[in-house]
Protein backbone atom coordinates (compact mmCIF):
# COMPACT_ATOMS: atom_id res chain seq x y z
CA UNK A 1 0.00 0.00 0.00
CA UNK A 2 2.99 2.36 0.15
CA UNK A 3 2.39 5.38 2.33
CA UNK A 4 -1.32 4.64 2.65
CA UNK A 5 -2.48 3.91 6.18
CA UNK A 6 -5.80 2.43 7.33
CA UNK A 7 -7.26 4.93 9.79
CA UNK A 8 -10.56 3.21 10.57
CA UNK A 9 -12.50 0.10 9.59
CA UNK A 10 -16.22 -0.30 10.01
CA UNK A 11 -18.66 -3.07 9.12
CA UNK A 12 -18.70 -2.13 5.43
CA UNK A 13 -16.02 0.50 4.86
CA UNK A 14 -12.32 1.18 5.30
CA UNK A 15 -10.97 4.73 5.58
CA UNK A 16 -7.40 4.98 4.26
CA UNK A 17 -5.09 7.99 4.59
CA UNK A 18 -3.63 8.61 1.14
CA UNK A 19 -2.27 12.15 1.43
CA UNK A 20 -1.13 14.04 4.50
CA UNK A 21 -1.03 17.79 3.98
CA UNK A 22 0.09 20.56 6.30
CA UNK A 23 -3.39 21.35 7.63
CA UNK A 24 -5.70 18.74 6.09
CA UNK A 25 -5.58 15.16 4.83
CA UNK A 26 -7.09 13.10 2.04
CA UNK A 27 -8.70 9.71 2.63
CA UNK A 28 -9.96 6.97 0.32
CA UNK A 29 -13.27 5.35 1.22
CA UNK A 30 -12.90 1.66 0.37
CA UNK A 31 -15.67 -0.93 0.23
CA UNK A 32 -14.30 -3.77 2.35
CA UNK A 33 -15.89 -6.80 0.64
CA UNK A 34 -14.60 -6.05 -2.87
CA UNK A 35 -11.70 -3.77 -1.81
CA UNK A 36 -12.90 -1.07 -4.23
CA UNK A 37 -12.41 2.68 -3.79
CA UNK A 38 -15.81 4.38 -3.65
CA UNK A 39 -14.48 7.92 -3.44
CA UNK A 40 -12.46 10.30 -1.32
CA UNK A 41 -12.92 12.39 1.77
CA UNK A 42 -10.98 15.63 1.70
CA UNK A 43 -11.13 19.27 2.75
CA UNK A 44 -13.49 21.44 0.70
CA UNK A 45 -12.41 25.08 0.99
CA UNK A 46 -15.72 26.64 -0.04
CA UNK A 47 -17.61 24.93 2.78
CA UNK A 48 -14.63 24.94 5.20
CA UNK A 49 -15.13 21.27 6.09
CA UNK A 50 -14.35 17.72 5.03
CA UNK A 51 -16.69 16.22 2.42
CA UNK A 52 -17.14 12.94 0.54
CA UNK A 53 -16.63 13.00 -3.22
CA UNK A 54 -17.65 9.84 -5.11
CA UNK A 55 -15.21 8.33 -7.60
CA UNK A 56 -16.32 9.55 -11.02
CA UNK A 57 -15.73 6.12 -12.57
CA UNK A 58 -18.39 4.65 -10.26
CA UNK A 59 -21.64 5.91 -11.74
CA UNK A 60 -23.84 3.56 -9.73
CA UNK A 61 -22.71 3.92 -6.12
CA UNK A 62 -25.44 2.60 -3.86
CA UNK A 63 -25.31 3.12 -0.09
CA UNK A 64 -27.58 1.87 2.65
CA UNK A 65 -28.23 3.77 5.88
CA UNK A 66 -25.41 1.95 7.70
CA UNK A 67 -22.80 2.87 5.07
CA UNK A 68 -23.97 6.48 5.04
CA UNK A 69 -23.92 6.64 8.84
CA UNK A 70 -20.38 5.19 8.93
CA UNK A 71 -19.19 7.78 6.42
CA UNK A 72 -21.01 10.63 8.16
CA UNK A 73 -19.50 9.67 11.52
CA UNK A 74 -15.98 9.61 10.07
CA UNK A 75 -16.46 13.01 8.38
CA UNK A 76 -18.00 14.50 11.51
CA UNK A 77 -15.01 13.34 13.59
CA UNK A 78 -12.57 14.83 11.04
CA UNK A 79 -14.38 18.18 11.10
CA UNK A 80 -14.41 18.26 14.91
CA UNK A 81 -10.69 17.43 15.12
CA UNK A 82 -9.87 20.05 12.49
CA UNK A 83 -11.79 22.73 14.38
CA UNK A 84 -10.09 21.76 17.66
CA UNK A 85 -6.64 21.98 16.02
CA UNK A 86 -7.50 25.35 14.52
CA UNK A 87 -8.65 26.67 17.91
CA UNK A 88 -5.35 25.53 19.43
CA UNK A 89 -3.44 27.48 16.82
CA UNK A 90 -2.17 24.58 14.67
PDB file of N, CA and C in Angstrom:
ATOM      1  N   UNK A   1       0.809  -1.204   0.000  1.00  0.00           N
ATOM      2  CA  UNK A   1       0.000   0.000   0.000  1.00  0.00           C
ATOM      3  C   UNK A   1       0.847   1.262   0.000  1.00  0.00           C
ATOM      4  N   UNK A   2       2.142   1.184   0.145  1.00  0.00           N
ATOM      5  CA  UNK A   2       2.991   2.364   0.146  1.00  0.00           C
ATOM      6  C   UNK A   2       2.808   3.182   1.400  1.00  0.00           C
ATOM      7  N   UNK A   3       2.558   4.483   1.192  1.00  0.00           N
ATOM      8  CA  UNK A   3       2.394   5.379   2.335  1.00  0.00           C
ATOM      9  C   UNK A   3       0.953   5.421   2.833  1.00  0.00           C
ATOM     10  N   UNK A   4       0.070   4.669   2.220  1.00  0.00           N
ATOM     11  CA  UNK A   4      -1.320   4.636   2.646  1.00  0.00           C
ATOM     12  C   UNK A   4      -1.436   3.934   3.993  1.00  0.00           C
ATOM     13  N   UNK A   5      -2.317   4.458   4.845  1.00  0.00           N
ATOM     14  CA  UNK A   5      -2.484   3.915   6.184  1.00  0.00           C
ATOM     15  C   UNK A   5      -3.973   3.799   6.498  1.00  0.00           C
ATOM     16  N   UNK A   6      -4.403   2.613   6.939  1.00  0.00           N
ATOM     17  CA  UNK A   6      -5.797   2.430   7.331  1.00  0.00           C
ATOM     18  C   UNK A   6      -6.013   3.177   8.637  1.00  0.00           C
ATOM     19  N   UNK A   7      -6.958   4.109   8.619  1.00  0.00           N
ATOM     20  CA  UNK A   7      -7.263   4.929   9.788  1.00  0.00           C
ATOM     21  C   UNK A   7      -8.393   4.318  10.600  1.00  0.00           C
ATOM     22  N   UNK A   8      -9.394   3.770   9.894  1.00  0.00           N
ATOM     23  CA  UNK A   8     -10.558   3.214  10.574  1.00  0.00           C
ATOM     24  C   UNK A   8     -11.195   2.168   9.673  1.00  0.00           C
ATOM     25  N   UNK A   9     -11.710   1.100  10.302  1.00  0.00           N
ATOM     26  CA  UNK A   9     -12.496   0.102   9.593  1.00  0.00           C
ATOM     27  C   UNK A   9     -13.831  -0.029  10.292  1.00  0.00           C
ATOM     28  N   UNK A  10     -14.877  -0.121   9.488  1.00  0.00           N
ATOM     29  CA  UNK A  10     -16.225  -0.304  10.008  1.00  0.00           C
ATOM     30  C   UNK A  10     -16.778  -1.604   9.417  1.00  0.00           C
ATOM     31  N   UNK A  11     -18.040  -1.842   9.635  1.00  0.00           N
ATOM     32  CA  UNK A  11     -18.656  -3.074   9.124  1.00  0.00           C
ATOM     33  C   UNK A  11     -18.501  -3.200   7.606  1.00  0.00           C
ATOM     34  N   UNK A  12     -18.701  -2.094   6.885  1.00  0.00           N
ATOM     35  CA  UNK A  12     -18.697  -2.135   5.428  1.00  0.00           C
ATOM     36  C   UNK A  12     -17.552  -1.372   4.774  1.00  0.00           C
ATOM     37  N   UNK A  13     -16.959  -0.424   5.490  1.00  0.00           N
ATOM     38  CA  UNK A  13     -16.018   0.502   4.864  1.00  0.00           C
ATOM     39  C   UNK A  13     -14.659   0.496   5.549  1.00  0.00           C
ATOM     40  N   UNK A  14     -13.670   0.962   4.788  1.00  0.00           N
ATOM     41  CA  UNK A  14     -12.319   1.182   5.297  1.00  0.00           C
ATOM     42  C   UNK A  14     -11.941   2.612   4.897  1.00  0.00           C
ATOM     43  N   UNK A  15     -11.397   3.359   5.833  1.00  0.00           N
ATOM     44  CA  UNK A  15     -10.965   4.732   5.582  1.00  0.00           C
ATOM     45  C   UNK A  15      -9.442   4.742   5.602  1.00  0.00           C
ATOM     46  N   UNK A  16      -8.844   5.108   4.456  1.00  0.00           N
ATOM     47  CA  UNK A  16      -7.402   4.984   4.258  1.00  0.00           C
ATOM     48  C   UNK A  16      -6.799   6.363   3.995  1.00  0.00           C
ATOM     49  N   UNK A  17      -5.810   6.738   4.802  1.00  0.00           N
ATOM     50  CA  UNK A  17      -5.093   7.993   4.591  1.00  0.00           C
ATOM     51  C   UNK A  17      -4.213   7.840   3.366  1.00  0.00           C
ATOM     52  N   UNK A  18      -4.415   8.701   2.363  1.00  0.00           N
ATOM     53  CA  UNK A  18      -3.625   8.608   1.137  1.00  0.00           C
ATOM     54  C   UNK A  18      -2.758   9.834   0.908  1.00  0.00           C
ATOM     55  N   UNK A  19      -3.079  10.940   1.588  1.00  0.00           N
ATOM     56  CA  UNK A  19      -2.271  12.153   1.433  1.00  0.00           C
ATOM     57  C   UNK A  19      -2.351  12.971   2.710  1.00  0.00           C
ATOM     58  N   UNK A  20      -1.200  13.236   3.281  1.00  0.00           N
ATOM     59  CA  UNK A  20      -1.127  14.035   4.500  1.00  0.00           C
ATOM     60  C   UNK A  20      -0.593  15.408   4.113  1.00  0.00           C
ATOM     61  N   UNK A  21      -1.416  16.430   4.305  1.00  0.00           N
ATOM     62  CA  UNK A  21      -1.030  17.792   3.976  1.00  0.00           C
ATOM     63  C   UNK A  21      -0.719  18.548   5.268  1.00  0.00           C
ATOM     64  N   UNK A  22      -0.278  19.767   5.130  1.00  0.00           N
ATOM     65  CA  UNK A  22       0.090  20.562   6.297  1.00  0.00           C
ATOM     66  C   UNK A  22      -1.071  20.729   7.269  1.00  0.00           C
ATOM     67  N   UNK A  23      -2.246  21.090   6.759  1.00  0.00           N
ATOM     68  CA  UNK A  23      -3.391  21.347   7.631  1.00  0.00           C
ATOM     69  C   UNK A  23      -4.524  20.334   7.479  1.00  0.00           C
ATOM     70  N   UNK A  24      -4.608  19.679   6.346  1.00  0.00           N
ATOM     71  CA  UNK A  24      -5.699  18.737   6.093  1.00  0.00           C
ATOM     72  C   UNK A  24      -5.152  17.461   5.472  1.00  0.00           C
ATOM     73  N   UNK A  25      -5.975  16.441   5.407  1.00  0.00           N
ATOM     74  CA  UNK A  25      -5.580  15.156   4.833  1.00  0.00           C
ATOM     75  C   UNK A  25      -6.602  14.708   3.799  1.00  0.00           C
ATOM     76  N   UNK A  26      -6.206  13.704   3.029  1.00  0.00           N
ATOM     77  CA  UNK A  26      -7.094  13.104   2.036  1.00  0.00           C
ATOM     78  C   UNK A  26      -7.204  11.618   2.340  1.00  0.00           C
ATOM     79  N   UNK A  27      -8.426  11.099   2.296  1.00  0.00           N
ATOM     80  CA  UNK A  27      -8.699   9.706   2.626  1.00  0.00           C
ATOM     81  C   UNK A  27      -9.462   9.039   1.491  1.00  0.00           C
ATOM     82  N   UNK A  28      -9.140   7.784   1.214  1.00  0.00           N
ATOM     83  CA  UNK A  28      -9.964   6.968   0.324  1.00  0.00           C
ATOM     84  C   UNK A  28     -11.010   6.254   1.161  1.00  0.00           C
ATOM     85  N   UNK A  29     -12.211   6.155   0.619  1.00  0.00           N
ATOM     86  CA  UNK A  29     -13.265   5.351   1.224  1.00  0.00           C
ATOM     87  C   UNK A  29     -13.320   4.066   0.403  1.00  0.00           C
ATOM     88  N   UNK A  30     -13.033   2.941   1.064  1.00  0.00           N
ATOM     89  CA  UNK A  30     -12.898   1.662   0.375  1.00  0.00           C
ATOM     90  C   UNK A  30     -13.985   0.712   0.853  1.00  0.00           C
ATOM     91  N   UNK A  31     -14.668   0.094  -0.096  1.00  0.00           N
ATOM     92  CA  UNK A  31     -15.665  -0.926   0.227  1.00  0.00           C
ATOM     93  C   UNK A  31     -14.894  -2.178   0.600  1.00  0.00           C
ATOM     94  N   UNK A  32     -15.130  -2.688   1.806  1.00  0.00           N
ATOM     95  CA  UNK A  32     -14.304  -3.771   2.352  1.00  0.00           C
ATOM     96  C   UNK A  32     -14.447  -5.090   1.604  1.00  0.00           C
ATOM     97  N   UNK A  33     -15.660  -5.475   1.227  1.00  0.00           N
ATOM     98  CA  UNK A  33     -15.888  -6.799   0.636  1.00  0.00           C
ATOM     99  C   UNK A  33     -15.151  -6.967  -0.694  1.00  0.00           C
ATOM    100  N   UNK A  34     -15.224  -5.966  -1.552  1.00  0.00           N
ATOM    101  CA  UNK A  34     -14.599  -6.045  -2.875  1.00  0.00           C
ATOM    102  C   UNK A  34     -13.284  -5.269  -2.947  1.00  0.00           C
ATOM    103  N   UNK A  35     -12.920  -4.584  -1.870  1.00  0.00           N
ATOM    104  CA  UNK A  35     -11.700  -3.771  -1.808  1.00  0.00           C
ATOM    105  C   UNK A  35     -11.658  -2.747  -2.945  1.00  0.00           C
ATOM    106  N   UNK A  36     -12.791  -2.069  -3.163  1.00  0.00           N
ATOM    107  CA  UNK A  36     -12.897  -1.065  -4.226  1.00  0.00           C
ATOM    108  C   UNK A  36     -13.012   0.329  -3.625  1.00  0.00           C
ATOM    109  N   UNK A  37     -12.332   1.285  -4.233  1.00  0.00           N
ATOM    110  CA  UNK A  37     -12.415   2.677  -3.793  1.00  0.00           C
ATOM    111  C   UNK A  37     -13.737   3.262  -4.274  1.00  0.00           C
ATOM    112  N   UNK A  38     -14.519   3.776  -3.333  1.00  0.00           N
ATOM    113  CA  UNK A  38     -15.813   4.376  -3.654  1.00  0.00           C
ATOM    114  C   UNK A  38     -15.689   5.874  -3.902  1.00  0.00           C
ATOM    115  N   UNK A  39     -14.683   6.487  -3.304  1.00  0.00           N
ATOM    116  CA  UNK A  39     -14.485   7.919  -3.444  1.00  0.00           C
ATOM    117  C   UNK A  39     -13.474   8.401  -2.425  1.00  0.00           C
ATOM    118  N   UNK A  40     -13.420   9.718  -2.253  1.00  0.00           N
ATOM    119  CA  UNK A  40     -12.460  10.304  -1.324  1.00  0.00           C
ATOM    120  C   UNK A  40     -13.159  11.233  -0.336  1.00  0.00           C
ATOM    121  N   UNK A  41     -12.517  11.385   0.798  1.00  0.00           N
ATOM    122  CA  UNK A  41     -12.923  12.393   1.769  1.00  0.00           C
ATOM    123  C   UNK A  41     -11.754  13.354   1.868  1.00  0.00           C
ATOM    124  N   UNK A  42     -12.029  14.623   1.603  1.00  0.00           N
ATOM    125  CA  UNK A  42     -10.982  15.628   1.700  1.00  0.00           C
ATOM    126  C   UNK A  42     -11.586  16.991   2.020  1.00  0.00           C
ATOM    127  N   UNK A  43     -10.710  17.927   2.350  1.00  0.00           N
ATOM    128  CA  UNK A  43     -11.127  19.266   2.746  1.00  0.00           C
ATOM    129  C   UNK A  43     -11.699  20.010   1.543  1.00  0.00           C
ATOM    130  N   UNK A  44     -12.842  20.651   1.740  1.00  0.00           N
ATOM    131  CA  UNK A  44     -13.493  21.445   0.702  1.00  0.00           C
ATOM    132  C   UNK A  44     -13.486  22.897   1.164  1.00  0.00           C
ATOM    133  N   UNK A  45     -12.627  23.703   0.540  1.00  0.00           N
ATOM    134  CA  UNK A  45     -12.409  25.082   0.989  1.00  0.00           C
ATOM    135  C   UNK A  45     -13.670  25.935   1.020  1.00  0.00           C
ATOM    136  N   UNK A  46     -14.531  25.792   0.026  1.00  0.00           N
ATOM    137  CA  UNK A  46     -15.720  26.645  -0.044  1.00  0.00           C
ATOM    138  C   UNK A  46     -16.653  26.436   1.140  1.00  0.00           C
ATOM    139  N   UNK A  47     -16.733  25.218   1.640  1.00  0.00           N
ATOM    140  CA  UNK A  47     -17.609  24.925   2.781  1.00  0.00           C
ATOM    141  C   UNK A  47     -16.852  24.886   4.098  1.00  0.00           C
ATOM    142  N   UNK A  48     -15.488  24.956   4.013  1.00  0.00           N
ATOM    143  CA  UNK A  48     -14.632  24.942   5.203  1.00  0.00           C
ATOM    144  C   UNK A  48     -14.869  23.701   6.062  1.00  0.00           C
ATOM    145  N   UNK A  49     -14.933  22.535   5.386  1.00  0.00           N
ATOM    146  CA  UNK A  49     -15.129  21.271   6.090  1.00  0.00           C
ATOM    147  C   UNK A  49     -14.752  20.100   5.179  1.00  0.00           C
ATOM    148  N   UNK A  50     -14.594  18.946   5.793  1.00  0.00           N
ATOM    149  CA  UNK A  50     -14.347  17.724   5.028  1.00  0.00           C
ATOM    150  C   UNK A  50     -15.652  17.267   4.379  1.00  0.00           C
ATOM    151  N   UNK A  51     -15.532  16.725   3.162  1.00  0.00           N
ATOM    152  CA  UNK A  51     -16.687  16.224   2.422  1.00  0.00           C
ATOM    153  C   UNK A  51     -16.311  14.918   1.716  1.00  0.00           C
ATOM    154  N   UNK A  52     -17.328  14.149   1.347  1.00  0.00           N
ATOM    155  CA  UNK A  52     -17.141  12.940   0.545  1.00  0.00           C
ATOM    156  C   UNK A  52     -17.380  13.277  -0.914  1.00  0.00           C
ATOM    157  N   UNK A  53     -16.468  12.833  -1.776  1.00  0.00           N
ATOM    158  CA  UNK A  53     -16.631  13.003  -3.217  1.00  0.00           C
ATOM    159  C   UNK A  53     -16.550  11.624  -3.868  1.00  0.00           C
ATOM    160  N   UNK A  54     -17.657  11.163  -4.485  1.00  0.00           N
ATOM    161  CA  UNK A  54     -17.647   9.835  -5.111  1.00  0.00           C
ATOM    162  C   UNK A  54     -16.628   9.761  -6.238  1.00  0.00           C
ATOM    163  N   UNK A  55     -16.099   8.582  -6.477  1.00  0.00           N
ATOM    164  CA  UNK A  55     -15.211   8.331  -7.597  1.00  0.00           C
ATOM    165  C   UNK A  55     -16.030   8.473  -8.883  1.00  0.00           C
ATOM    166  N   UNK A  56     -15.556   9.286  -9.803  1.00  0.00           N
ATOM    167  CA  UNK A  56     -16.323   9.553 -11.020  1.00  0.00           C
ATOM    168  C   UNK A  56     -16.476   8.338 -11.923  1.00  0.00           C
ATOM    169  N   UNK A  57     -15.611   7.342 -11.767  1.00  0.00           N
ATOM    170  CA  UNK A  57     -15.732   6.116 -12.566  1.00  0.00           C
ATOM    171  C   UNK A  57     -16.831   5.199 -12.048  1.00  0.00           C
ATOM    172  N   UNK A  58     -17.357   5.507 -10.869  1.00  0.00           N
ATOM    173  CA  UNK A  58     -18.392   4.655 -10.262  1.00  0.00           C
ATOM    174  C   UNK A  58     -19.740   5.374 -10.369  1.00  0.00           C
ATOM    175  N   UNK A  59     -20.389   5.213 -11.487  1.00  0.00           N
ATOM    176  CA  UNK A  59     -21.643   5.914 -11.742  1.00  0.00           C
ATOM    177  C   UNK A  59     -22.790   5.405 -10.869  1.00  0.00           C
ATOM    178  N   UNK A  60     -22.731   4.156 -10.452  1.00  0.00           N
ATOM    179  CA  UNK A  60     -23.844   3.562  -9.729  1.00  0.00           C
ATOM    180  C   UNK A  60     -23.485   3.206  -8.289  1.00  0.00           C
ATOM    181  N   UNK A  61     -22.974   4.171  -7.550  1.00  0.00           N
ATOM    182  CA  UNK A  61     -22.714   3.919  -6.121  1.00  0.00           C
ATOM    183  C   UNK A  61     -24.050   3.839  -5.392  1.00  0.00           C
ATOM    184  N   UNK A  62     -24.215   2.783  -4.631  1.00  0.00           N
ATOM    185  CA  UNK A  62     -25.436   2.600  -3.858  1.00  0.00           C
ATOM    186  C   UNK A  62     -25.031   2.406  -2.402  1.00  0.00           C
ATOM    187  N   UNK A  63     -25.638   3.187  -1.498  1.00  0.00           N
ATOM    188  CA  UNK A  63     -25.310   3.122  -0.090  1.00  0.00           C
ATOM    189  C   UNK A  63     -26.580   2.873   0.717  1.00  0.00           C
ATOM    190  N   UNK A  64     -26.459   2.022   1.728  1.00  0.00           N
ATOM    191  CA  UNK A  64     -27.580   1.872   2.648  1.00  0.00           C
ATOM    192  C   UNK A  64     -27.371   2.821   3.834  1.00  0.00           C
ATOM    193  N   UNK A  65     -28.314   2.829   4.761  1.00  0.00           N
ATOM    194  CA  UNK A  65     -28.230   3.769   5.876  1.00  0.00           C
ATOM    195  C   UNK A  65     -27.004   3.516   6.754  1.00  0.00           C
ATOM    196  N   UNK A  66     -26.585   2.259   6.885  1.00  0.00           N
ATOM    197  CA  UNK A  66     -25.410   1.952   7.700  1.00  0.00           C
ATOM    198  C   UNK A  66     -24.142   2.519   7.067  1.00  0.00           C
ATOM    199  N   UNK A  67     -23.972   2.326   5.763  1.00  0.00           N
ATOM    200  CA  UNK A  67     -22.800   2.873   5.067  1.00  0.00           C
ATOM    201  C   UNK A  67     -22.769   4.397   5.173  1.00  0.00           C
ATOM    202  N   UNK A  68     -23.908   5.020   4.954  1.00  0.00           N
ATOM    203  CA  UNK A  68     -23.970   6.481   5.038  1.00  0.00           C
ATOM    204  C   UNK A  68     -23.665   6.969   6.452  1.00  0.00           C
ATOM    205  N   UNK A  69     -24.174   6.263   7.448  1.00  0.00           N
ATOM    206  CA  UNK A  69     -23.921   6.642   8.840  1.00  0.00           C
ATOM    207  C   UNK A  69     -22.435   6.480   9.182  1.00  0.00           C
ATOM    208  N   UNK A  70     -21.810   5.397   8.688  1.00  0.00           N
ATOM    209  CA  UNK A  70     -20.384   5.189   8.934  1.00  0.00           C
ATOM    210  C   UNK A  70     -19.559   6.313   8.313  1.00  0.00           C
ATOM    211  N   UNK A  71     -19.896   6.693   7.085  1.00  0.00           N
ATOM    212  CA  UNK A  71     -19.188   7.780   6.417  1.00  0.00           C
ATOM    213  C   UNK A  71     -19.421   9.106   7.129  1.00  0.00           C
ATOM    214  N   UNK A  72     -20.670   9.370   7.485  1.00  0.00           N
ATOM    215  CA  UNK A  72     -21.010  10.625   8.161  1.00  0.00           C
ATOM    216  C   UNK A  72     -20.287  10.742   9.495  1.00  0.00           C
ATOM    217  N   UNK A  73     -20.193   9.649  10.235  1.00  0.00           N
ATOM    218  CA  UNK A  73     -19.500   9.670  11.525  1.00  0.00           C
ATOM    219  C   UNK A  73     -18.017   9.980  11.338  1.00  0.00           C
ATOM    220  N   UNK A  74     -17.393   9.368  10.330  1.00  0.00           N
ATOM    221  CA  UNK A  74     -15.977   9.612  10.068  1.00  0.00           C
ATOM    222  C   UNK A  74     -15.746  11.076   9.691  1.00  0.00           C
ATOM    223  N   UNK A  75     -16.589  11.610   8.806  1.00  0.00           N
ATOM    224  CA  UNK A  75     -16.456  13.010   8.378  1.00  0.00           C
ATOM    225  C   UNK A  75     -16.693  13.947   9.546  1.00  0.00           C
ATOM    226  N   UNK A  76     -17.703  13.670  10.343  1.00  0.00           N
ATOM    227  CA  UNK A  76     -17.995  14.505  11.513  1.00  0.00           C
ATOM    228  C   UNK A  76     -16.797  14.543  12.458  1.00  0.00           C
ATOM    229  N   UNK A  77     -16.194  13.391  12.720  1.00  0.00           N
ATOM    230  CA  UNK A  77     -15.012  13.337  13.585  1.00  0.00           C
ATOM    231  C   UNK A  77     -13.852  14.145  13.002  1.00  0.00           C
ATOM    232  N   UNK A  78     -13.628  14.046  11.676  1.00  0.00           N
ATOM    233  CA  UNK A  78     -12.565  14.831  11.043  1.00  0.00           C
ATOM    234  C   UNK A  78     -12.809  16.323  11.205  1.00  0.00           C
ATOM    235  N   UNK A  79     -14.059  16.753  10.996  1.00  0.00           N
ATOM    236  CA  UNK A  79     -14.382  18.176  11.105  1.00  0.00           C
ATOM    237  C   UNK A  79     -14.205  18.679  12.541  1.00  0.00           C
ATOM    238  N   UNK A  80     -14.583  17.877  13.512  1.00  0.00           N
ATOM    239  CA  UNK A  80     -14.415  18.257  14.915  1.00  0.00           C
ATOM    240  C   UNK A  80     -12.930  18.381  15.248  1.00  0.00           C
ATOM    241  N   UNK A  81     -12.135  17.395  14.851  1.00  0.00           N
ATOM    242  CA  UNK A  81     -10.693  17.427  15.120  1.00  0.00           C
ATOM    243  C   UNK A  81     -10.023  18.614  14.438  1.00  0.00           C
ATOM    244  N   UNK A  82     -10.445  18.914  13.214  1.00  0.00           N
ATOM    245  CA  UNK A  82      -9.867  20.049  12.486  1.00  0.00           C
ATOM    246  C   UNK A  82     -10.169  21.357  13.210  1.00  0.00           C
ATOM    247  N   UNK A  83     -11.397  21.517  13.659  1.00  0.00           N
ATOM    248  CA  UNK A  83     -11.793  22.730  14.381  1.00  0.00           C
ATOM    249  C   UNK A  83     -11.022  22.865  15.700  1.00  0.00           C
ATOM    250  N   UNK A  84     -10.843  21.733  16.399  1.00  0.00           N
ATOM    251  CA  UNK A  84     -10.088  21.759  17.657  1.00  0.00           C
ATOM    252  C   UNK A  84      -8.641  22.169  17.416  1.00  0.00           C
ATOM    253  N   UNK A  85      -8.002  21.611  16.346  1.00  0.00           N
ATOM    254  CA  UNK A  85      -6.638  21.975  16.023  1.00  0.00           C
ATOM    255  C   UNK A  85      -6.530  23.455  15.684  1.00  0.00           C
ATOM    256  N   UNK A  86      -7.496  23.943  14.924  1.00  0.00           N
ATOM    257  CA  UNK A  86      -7.497  25.352  14.521  1.00  0.00           C
ATOM    258  C   UNK A  86      -7.613  26.247  15.751  1.00  0.00           C
ATOM    259  N   UNK A  87      -8.465  25.885  16.694  1.00  0.00           N
ATOM    260  CA  UNK A  87      -8.648  26.674  17.909  1.00  0.00           C
ATOM    261  C   UNK A  87      -7.409  26.660  18.804  1.00  0.00           C
ATOM    262  N   UNK A  88      -6.589  25.615  18.661  1.00  0.00           N
ATOM    263  CA  UNK A  88      -5.352  25.528  19.434  1.00  0.00           C
ATOM    264  C   UNK A  88      -4.189  26.222  18.735  1.00  0.00           C
ATOM    265  N   UNK A  89      -4.453  26.749  17.557  1.00  0.00           N
ATOM    266  CA  UNK A  89      -3.435  27.485  16.819  1.00  0.00           C
ATOM    267  C   UNK A  89      -2.554  26.656  15.907  1.00  0.00           C
ATOM    268  N   UNK A  90      -2.964  25.435  15.565  1.00  0.00           N
ATOM    269  CA  UNK A  90      -2.174  24.582  14.674  1.00  0.00           C
ATOM    270  C   UNK A  90      -2.636  24.711  13.259  1.00  0.00           C
TER     271      UNK A  90
END
